PDB file of N, CA and C in Angstrom:
ATOM      1  N   MET A   1     -22.596 -19.498 -28.467  1.00  0.00           N
ATOM      2  CA  MET A   1     -23.686 -19.429 -29.415  1.00  0.00           C
ATOM      3  C   MET A   1     -24.561 -18.199 -29.153  1.00  0.00           C
ATOM      4  N   ALA A   2     -24.699 -17.856 -27.882  1.00  0.00           N
ATOM      5  CA  ALA A   2     -25.508 -16.687 -27.539  1.00  0.00           C
ATOM      6  C   ALA A   2     -24.854 -15.402 -28.053  1.00  0.00           C
ATOM      7  N   LEU A   3     -23.530 -15.371 -28.071  1.00  0.00           N
ATOM      8  CA  LEU A   3     -22.822 -14.200 -28.577  1.00  0.00           C
ATOM      9  C   LEU A   3     -23.092 -13.997 -30.061  1.00  0.00           C
ATOM     10  N   ILE A   4     -23.067 -15.070 -30.820  1.00  0.00           N
ATOM     11  CA  ILE A   4     -23.336 -14.986 -32.264  1.00  0.00           C
ATOM     12  C   ILE A   4     -24.765 -14.501 -32.502  1.00  0.00           C
ATOM     13  N   ARG A   5     -25.701 -15.037 -31.731  1.00  0.00           N
ATOM     14  CA  ARG A   5     -27.100 -14.643 -31.874  1.00  0.00           C
ATOM     15  C   ARG A   5     -27.276 -13.163 -31.530  1.00  0.00           C
ATOM     16  N   THR A   6     -26.618 -12.710 -30.471  1.00  0.00           N
ATOM     17  CA  THR A   6     -26.720 -11.308 -30.071  1.00  0.00           C
ATOM     18  C   THR A   6     -26.113 -10.393 -31.128  1.00  0.00           C
ATOM     19  N   LEU A   7     -24.965 -10.754 -31.651  1.00  0.00           N
ATOM     20  CA  LEU A   7     -24.347  -9.955 -32.717  1.00  0.00           C
ATOM     21  C   LEU A   7     -25.228  -9.897 -33.953  1.00  0.00           C
ATOM     22  N   PHE A   8     -25.867 -11.018 -34.285  1.00  0.00           N
ATOM     23  CA  PHE A   8     -26.778 -11.048 -35.427  1.00  0.00           C
ATOM     24  C   PHE A   8     -27.936 -10.085 -35.217  1.00  0.00           C
ATOM     25  N   TRP A   9     -28.555 -10.099 -34.018  1.00  0.00           N
ATOM     26  CA  TRP A   9     -29.691  -9.231 -33.755  1.00  0.00           C
ATOM     27  C   TRP A   9     -29.277  -7.762 -33.725  1.00  0.00           C
ATOM     28  N   VAL A  10     -28.106  -7.478 -33.210  1.00  0.00           N
ATOM     29  CA  VAL A  10     -27.629  -6.089 -33.195  1.00  0.00           C
ATOM     30  C   VAL A  10     -27.385  -5.606 -34.625  1.00  0.00           C
ATOM     31  N   ALA A  11     -26.748  -6.441 -35.441  1.00  0.00           N
ATOM     32  CA  ALA A  11     -26.511  -6.068 -36.840  1.00  0.00           C
ATOM     33  C   ALA A  11     -27.829  -5.873 -37.585  1.00  0.00           C
ATOM     34  N   LEU A  12     -28.781  -6.743 -37.342  1.00  0.00           N
ATOM     35  CA  LEU A  12     -30.090  -6.620 -37.975  1.00  0.00           C
ATOM     36  C   LEU A  12     -30.791  -5.341 -37.531  1.00  0.00           C
ATOM     37  N   PHE A  13     -30.699  -5.014 -36.246  1.00  0.00           N
ATOM     38  CA  PHE A  13     -31.296  -3.785 -35.726  1.00  0.00           C
ATOM     39  C   PHE A  13     -30.666  -2.550 -36.371  1.00  0.00           C
ATOM     40  N   VAL A  14     -29.346  -2.535 -36.465  1.00  0.00           N
ATOM     41  CA  VAL A  14     -28.646  -1.396 -37.068  1.00  0.00           C
ATOM     42  C   VAL A  14     -29.040  -1.248 -38.532  1.00  0.00           C
ATOM     43  N   PHE A  15     -29.108  -2.353 -39.264  1.00  0.00           N
ATOM     44  CA  PHE A  15     -29.477  -2.308 -40.678  1.00  0.00           C
ATOM     45  C   PHE A  15     -30.888  -1.761 -40.869  1.00  0.00           C
ATOM     46  N   PHE A  16     -31.856  -2.270 -40.108  1.00  0.00           N
ATOM     47  CA  PHE A  16     -33.224  -1.811 -40.281  1.00  0.00           C
ATOM     48  C   PHE A  16     -33.423  -0.387 -39.770  1.00  0.00           C
ATOM     49  N   THR A  17     -32.660   0.021 -38.775  1.00  0.00           N
ATOM     50  CA  THR A  17     -32.714   1.408 -38.326  1.00  0.00           C
ATOM     51  C   THR A  17     -32.187   2.328 -39.419  1.00  0.00           C
ATOM     52  N   PHE A  18     -31.095   1.917 -40.058  1.00  0.00           N
ATOM     53  CA  PHE A  18     -30.539   2.692 -41.167  1.00  0.00           C
ATOM     54  C   PHE A  18     -31.558   2.791 -42.304  1.00  0.00           C
ATOM     55  N   CYS A  19     -32.198   1.673 -42.626  1.00  0.00           N
ATOM     56  CA  CYS A  19     -33.214   1.683 -43.693  1.00  0.00           C
ATOM     57  C   CYS A  19     -34.390   2.583 -43.334  1.00  0.00           C
ATOM     58  N   PHE A  20     -34.802   2.579 -42.066  1.00  0.00           N
ATOM     59  CA  PHE A  20     -35.896   3.449 -41.640  1.00  0.00           C
ATOM     60  C   PHE A  20     -35.523   4.914 -41.794  1.00  0.00           C
ATOM     61  N   VAL A  21     -34.306   5.263 -41.404  1.00  0.00           N
ATOM     62  CA  VAL A  21     -33.861   6.656 -41.526  1.00  0.00           C
ATOM     63  C   VAL A  21     -33.836   7.084 -42.990  1.00  0.00           C
ATOM     64  N   VAL A  22     -33.329   6.213 -43.855  1.00  0.00           N
ATOM     65  CA  VAL A  22     -33.295   6.530 -45.283  1.00  0.00           C
ATOM     66  C   VAL A  22     -34.719   6.668 -45.826  1.00  0.00           C
ATOM     67  N   LEU A  23     -35.597   5.778 -45.442  1.00  0.00           N
ATOM     68  CA  LEU A  23     -36.986   5.837 -45.889  1.00  0.00           C
ATOM     69  C   LEU A  23     -37.661   7.107 -45.390  1.00  0.00           C
ATOM     70  N   PHE A  24     -37.380   7.495 -44.164  1.00  0.00           N
ATOM     71  CA  PHE A  24     -37.968   8.710 -43.599  1.00  0.00           C
ATOM     72  C   PHE A  24     -37.439   9.955 -44.306  1.00  0.00           C
ATOM     73  N   GLU A  25     -36.156   9.987 -44.624  1.00  0.00           N
ATOM     74  CA  GLU A  25     -35.548  11.167 -45.249  1.00  0.00           C
ATOM     75  C   GLU A  25     -35.879  11.293 -46.734  1.00  0.00           C
ATOM     76  N   TYR A  26     -35.849  10.168 -47.467  1.00  0.00           N
ATOM     77  CA  TYR A  26     -35.956  10.233 -48.921  1.00  0.00           C
ATOM     78  C   TYR A  26     -37.281   9.700 -49.468  1.00  0.00           C
ATOM     79  N   GLY A  27     -38.025   8.975 -48.683  1.00  0.00           N
ATOM     80  CA  GLY A  27     -39.301   8.434 -49.146  1.00  0.00           C
ATOM     81  C   GLY A  27     -39.103   7.199 -50.007  1.00  0.00           C
ATOM     82  N   THR A  28     -40.210   6.653 -50.469  1.00  0.00           N
ATOM     83  CA  THR A  28     -40.152   5.415 -51.244  1.00  0.00           C
ATOM     84  C   THR A  28     -39.722   5.644 -52.681  1.00  0.00           C
ATOM     85  N   HIS A  29     -39.957   6.834 -53.211  1.00  0.00           N
ATOM     86  CA  HIS A  29     -39.646   7.089 -54.616  1.00  0.00           C
ATOM     87  C   HIS A  29     -38.152   7.223 -54.876  1.00  0.00           C
ATOM     88  N   ASP A  30     -37.360   7.556 -53.848  1.00  0.00           N
ATOM     89  CA  ASP A  30     -35.928   7.784 -54.038  1.00  0.00           C
ATOM     90  C   ASP A  30     -35.106   6.985 -53.020  1.00  0.00           C
ATOM     91  N   PHE A  31     -35.586   5.802 -52.668  1.00  0.00           N
ATOM     92  CA  PHE A  31     -34.964   5.022 -51.606  1.00  0.00           C
ATOM     93  C   PHE A  31     -33.562   4.542 -51.978  1.00  0.00           C
ATOM     94  N   VAL A  32     -33.388   4.019 -53.192  1.00  0.00           N
ATOM     95  CA  VAL A  32     -32.095   3.442 -53.584  1.00  0.00           C
ATOM     96  C   VAL A  32     -31.021   4.524 -53.660  1.00  0.00           C
ATOM     97  N   ALA A  33     -31.346   5.634 -54.276  1.00  0.00           N
ATOM     98  CA  ALA A  33     -30.379   6.735 -54.353  1.00  0.00           C
ATOM     99  C   ALA A  33     -30.088   7.288 -52.958  1.00  0.00           C
ATOM    100  N   GLY A  34     -31.106   7.399 -52.121  1.00  0.00           N
ATOM    101  CA  GLY A  34     -30.914   7.865 -50.750  1.00  0.00           C
ATOM    102  C   GLY A  34     -30.081   6.898 -49.931  1.00  0.00           C
ATOM    103  N   PHE A  35     -30.279   5.592 -50.155  1.00  0.00           N
ATOM    104  CA  PHE A  35     -29.496   4.578 -49.451  1.00  0.00           C
ATOM    105  C   PHE A  35     -28.025   4.716 -49.799  1.00  0.00           C
ATOM    106  N   LYS A  36     -27.743   4.910 -51.081  1.00  0.00           N
ATOM    107  CA  LYS A  36     -26.349   5.068 -51.516  1.00  0.00           C
ATOM    108  C   LYS A  36     -25.742   6.343 -50.933  1.00  0.00           C
ATOM    109  N   THR A  37     -26.509   7.416 -50.931  1.00  0.00           N
ATOM    110  CA  THR A  37     -26.028   8.688 -50.394  1.00  0.00           C
ATOM    111  C   THR A  37     -25.719   8.575 -48.901  1.00  0.00           C
ATOM    112  N   GLU A  38     -26.650   8.022 -48.161  1.00  0.00           N
ATOM    113  CA  GLU A  38     -26.455   7.898 -46.715  1.00  0.00           C
ATOM    114  C   GLU A  38     -25.355   6.905 -46.377  1.00  0.00           C
ATOM    115  N   TYR A  39     -25.234   5.844 -47.158  1.00  0.00           N
ATOM    116  CA  TYR A  39     -24.153   4.886 -46.918  1.00  0.00           C
ATOM    117  C   TYR A  39     -22.796   5.550 -47.114  1.00  0.00           C
ATOM    118  N   THR A  40     -22.684   6.365 -48.156  1.00  0.00           N
ATOM    119  CA  THR A  40     -21.442   7.096 -48.402  1.00  0.00           C
ATOM    120  C   THR A  40     -21.159   8.059 -47.247  1.00  0.00           C
ATOM    121  N   ARG A  41     -22.194   8.702 -46.744  1.00  0.00           N
ATOM    122  CA  ARG A  41     -22.032   9.634 -45.625  1.00  0.00           C
ATOM    123  C   ARG A  41     -21.572   8.909 -44.364  1.00  0.00           C
ATOM    124  N   VAL A  42     -22.165   7.764 -44.075  1.00  0.00           N
ATOM    125  CA  VAL A  42     -21.781   6.986 -42.891  1.00  0.00           C
ATOM    126  C   VAL A  42     -20.363   6.449 -43.052  1.00  0.00           C
ATOM    127  N   GLU A  43     -20.039   5.972 -44.249  1.00  0.00           N
ATOM    128  CA  GLU A  43     -18.696   5.441 -44.506  1.00  0.00           C
ATOM    129  C   GLU A  43     -17.639   6.525 -44.306  1.00  0.00           C
ATOM    130  N   LYS A  44     -17.912   7.726 -44.791  1.00  0.00           N
ATOM    131  CA  LYS A  44     -16.983   8.849 -44.622  1.00  0.00           C
ATOM    132  C   LYS A  44     -16.836   9.208 -43.142  1.00  0.00           C
ATOM    133  N   PHE A  45     -17.945   9.214 -42.412  1.00  0.00           N
ATOM    134  CA  PHE A  45     -17.909   9.528 -40.987  1.00  0.00           C
ATOM    135  C   PHE A  45     -17.065   8.515 -40.214  1.00  0.00           C
ATOM    136  N   VAL A  46     -17.247   7.239 -40.518  1.00  0.00           N
ATOM    137  CA  VAL A  46     -16.491   6.192 -39.817  1.00  0.00           C
ATOM    138  C   VAL A  46     -15.008   6.290 -40.132  1.00  0.00           C
ATOM    139  N   LYS A  47     -14.676   6.516 -41.395  1.00  0.00           N
ATOM    140  CA  LYS A  47     -13.263   6.646 -41.766  1.00  0.00           C
ATOM    141  C   LYS A  47     -12.613   7.835 -41.070  1.00  0.00           C
ATOM    142  N   GLU A  48     -13.319   8.954 -40.993  1.00  0.00           N
ATOM    143  CA  GLU A  48     -12.766  10.118 -40.306  1.00  0.00           C
ATOM    144  C   GLU A  48     -12.625   9.858 -38.810  1.00  0.00           C
ATOM    145  N   ALA A  49     -13.583   9.171 -38.234  1.00  0.00           N
ATOM    146  CA  ALA A  49     -13.537   8.889 -36.801  1.00  0.00           C
ATOM    147  C   ALA A  49     -12.395   7.944 -36.469  1.00  0.00           C
ATOM    148  N   VAL A  50     -12.088   7.037 -37.351  1.00  0.00           N
ATOM    149  CA  VAL A  50     -11.018   6.071 -37.103  1.00  0.00           C
ATOM    150  C   VAL A  50      -9.651   6.712 -37.302  1.00  0.00           C
ATOM    151  N   HIS A  51      -9.508   7.578 -38.263  1.00  0.00           N
ATOM    152  CA  HIS A  51      -8.195   8.133 -38.590  1.00  0.00           C
ATOM    153  C   HIS A  51      -7.822   9.368 -37.778  1.00  0.00           C
ATOM    154  N   LYS A  52      -8.753  10.070 -37.200  1.00  0.00           N
ATOM    155  CA  LYS A  52      -8.423  11.288 -36.463  1.00  0.00           C
ATOM    156  C   LYS A  52      -7.552  11.043 -35.240  1.00  0.00           C
ATOM    157  N   PRO A  53      -7.799  10.059 -34.399  1.00  0.00           N
ATOM    158  CA  PRO A  53      -6.930   9.874 -33.234  1.00  0.00           C
ATOM    159  C   PRO A  53      -5.483   9.563 -33.615  1.00  0.00           C
ATOM    160  N   ALA A  54      -5.273   8.842 -34.682  1.00  0.00           N
ATOM    161  CA  ALA A  54      -3.914   8.537 -35.122  1.00  0.00           C
ATOM    162  C   ALA A  54      -3.206   9.815 -35.574  1.00  0.00           C
ATOM    163  N   ASP A  55      -3.911  10.710 -36.219  1.00  0.00           N
ATOM    164  CA  ASP A  55      -3.315  11.971 -36.658  1.00  0.00           C
ATOM    165  C   ASP A  55      -2.969  12.861 -35.463  1.00  0.00           C
ATOM    166  N   LYS A  56      -3.795  12.869 -34.450  1.00  0.00           N
ATOM    167  CA  LYS A  56      -3.520  13.683 -33.270  1.00  0.00           C
ATOM    168  C   LYS A  56      -2.298  13.175 -32.518  1.00  0.00           C
ATOM    169  N   ASP A  57      -2.121  11.870 -32.474  1.00  0.00           N
ATOM    170  CA  ASP A  57      -0.948  11.286 -31.823  1.00  0.00           C
ATOM    171  C   ASP A  57       0.328  11.673 -32.546  1.00  0.00           C
ATOM    172  N   LYS A  58       0.299  11.682 -33.863  1.00  0.00           N
ATOM    173  CA  LYS A  58       1.477  12.051 -34.654  1.00  0.00           C
ATOM    174  C   LYS A  58       1.841  13.513 -34.433  1.00  0.00           C
ATOM    175  N   GLU A  59       0.829  14.380 -34.312  1.00  0.00           N
ATOM    176  CA  GLU A  59       1.102  15.800 -34.108  1.00  0.00           C
ATOM    177  C   GLU A  59       1.725  16.039 -32.725  1.00  0.00           C
ATOM    178  N   LYS A  60       1.308  15.279 -31.749  1.00  0.00           N
ATOM    179  CA  LYS A  60       1.841  15.455 -30.404  1.00  0.00           C
ATOM    180  C   LYS A  60       3.311  15.017 -30.332  1.00  0.00           C
ATOM    181  N   LYS A  61       3.677  14.015 -31.100  1.00  0.00           N
ATOM    182  CA  LYS A  61       5.052  13.502 -31.082  1.00  0.00           C
ATOM    183  C   LYS A  61       6.018  14.452 -31.768  1.00  0.00           C
ATOM    184  N   LYS A  62       5.526  15.278 -32.686  1.00  0.00           N
ATOM    185  CA  LYS A  62       6.408  16.182 -33.432  1.00  0.00           C
ATOM    186  C   LYS A  62       6.782  17.355 -32.641  1.00  0.00           C
TER     187      LYS A  62
END
């Protein structure tokens, strides 16, 4: 049960930290558009980070 609670608090911390960064960068007048922009940026970063090691392994085998 403690693991679930800890994961919940970590997820909540990450979400509110992300919201703070978006609020700091874009302000209150453009928060929704900034949230979408930053989410797309984070999503692209994660996808690239996940796929790069697999590509390097394939190049080494060739």
